[in-house]
């Protein structure tokens, strides 16, 4: 979340403390994707979850 100040601060701190984290974070763009919440069960198959 680009507008999440706490997340931005955490990523900044981790990037300063860990060059490996900074490299990985910089190389993999993070973006929001649509979510299809559900559960897959061997017994019941796929069940969709709806949030009210």
C-alpha atoms as a PDB file:
ATOM      1  CA  UNK A   1       0.000   0.000   0.000  1.00  0.00           C
ATOM      2  CA  UNK A   2       1.815   3.103  -1.173  1.00  0.00           C
ATOM      3  CA  UNK A   3      -0.114   5.398   1.179  1.00  0.00           C
ATOM      4  CA  UNK A   4       0.532   3.291   4.311  1.00  0.00           C
ATOM      5  CA  UNK A   5       3.056   5.308   6.344  1.00  0.00           C
ATOM      6  CA  UNK A   6       3.828   2.457   8.757  1.00  0.00           C
ATOM      7  CA  UNK A   7       4.494  -0.002   5.945  1.00  0.00           C
ATOM      8  CA  UNK A   8       6.665   2.549   4.145  1.00  0.00           C
ATOM      9  CA  UNK A   9       8.684   3.107   7.326  1.00  0.00           C
ATOM     10  CA  UNK A  10       9.085  -0.650   7.860  1.00  0.00           C
ATOM     11  CA  UNK A  11      10.274  -1.236   4.295  1.00  0.00           C
ATOM     12  CA  UNK A  12      12.687   1.679   4.669  1.00  0.00           C
ATOM     13  CA  UNK A  13      14.138   0.306   7.893  1.00  0.00           C
ATOM     14  CA  UNK A  14      14.457  -3.209   6.507  1.00  0.00           C
ATOM     15  CA  UNK A  15      16.125  -1.849   3.369  1.00  0.00           C
ATOM     16  CA  UNK A  16      18.707   0.043   5.442  1.00  0.00           C
ATOM     17  CA  UNK A  17      19.468  -2.935   7.674  1.00  0.00           C
ATOM     18  CA  UNK A  18      19.495  -5.602   4.978  1.00  0.00           C
ATOM     19  CA  UNK A  19      21.044  -5.072   1.546  1.00  0.00           C
ATOM     20  CA  UNK A  20      19.540  -8.419   0.524  1.00  0.00           C
ATOM     21  CA  UNK A  21      16.029  -7.227   1.452  1.00  0.00           C
ATOM     22  CA  UNK A  22      16.600  -3.970  -0.445  1.00  0.00           C
ATOM     23  CA  UNK A  23      17.718  -5.889  -3.536  1.00  0.00           C
ATOM     24  CA  UNK A  24      14.763  -8.281  -3.412  1.00  0.00           C
ATOM     25  CA  UNK A  25      12.238  -5.502  -2.706  1.00  0.00           C
ATOM     26  CA  UNK A  26      13.570  -3.370  -5.556  1.00  0.00           C
ATOM     27  CA  UNK A  27      13.467  -6.265  -7.997  1.00  0.00           C
ATOM     28  CA  UNK A  28       9.890  -7.335  -7.390  1.00  0.00           C
ATOM     29  CA  UNK A  29       7.172  -4.745  -7.958  1.00  0.00           C
ATOM     30  CA  UNK A  30       4.352  -4.915  -5.440  1.00  0.00           C
ATOM     31  CA  UNK A  31       0.837  -4.037  -6.509  1.00  0.00           C
ATOM     32  CA  UNK A  32      -2.718  -4.682  -5.467  1.00  0.00           C
ATOM     33  CA  UNK A  33      -4.577  -7.433  -7.250  1.00  0.00           C
ATOM     34  CA  UNK A  34      -8.225  -8.395  -7.153  1.00  0.00           C
ATOM     35  CA  UNK A  35      -8.924 -11.059  -4.589  1.00  0.00           C
ATOM     36  CA  UNK A  36     -11.191 -14.052  -4.982  1.00  0.00           C
ATOM     37  CA  UNK A  37     -11.490 -15.144  -1.344  1.00  0.00           C
ATOM     38  CA  UNK A  38     -12.376 -18.726  -0.840  1.00  0.00           C
ATOM     39  CA  UNK A  39     -11.427 -22.053   0.633  1.00  0.00           C
ATOM     40  CA  UNK A  40     -10.532 -25.231  -1.193  1.00  0.00           C
ATOM     41  CA  UNK A  41     -11.353 -28.443   0.611  1.00  0.00           C
ATOM     42  CA  UNK A  42     -10.780 -32.007  -0.564  1.00  0.00           C
ATOM     43  CA  UNK A  43     -14.193 -32.886   0.875  1.00  0.00           C
ATOM     44  CA  UNK A  44     -16.273 -29.875  -0.201  1.00  0.00           C
ATOM     45  CA  UNK A  45     -14.364 -28.432  -3.158  1.00  0.00           C
ATOM     46  CA  UNK A  46     -14.130 -24.655  -3.537  1.00  0.00           C
ATOM     47  CA  UNK A  47     -16.286 -22.459  -1.282  1.00  0.00           C
ATOM     48  CA  UNK A  48     -16.463 -18.722  -1.894  1.00  0.00           C
ATOM     49  CA  UNK A  49     -16.276 -16.372   1.089  1.00  0.00           C
ATOM     50  CA  UNK A  50     -18.349 -13.182   1.110  1.00  0.00           C
ATOM     51  CA  UNK A  51     -17.590 -10.333   3.477  1.00  0.00           C
ATOM     52  CA  UNK A  52     -20.483  -8.236   4.679  1.00  0.00           C
END
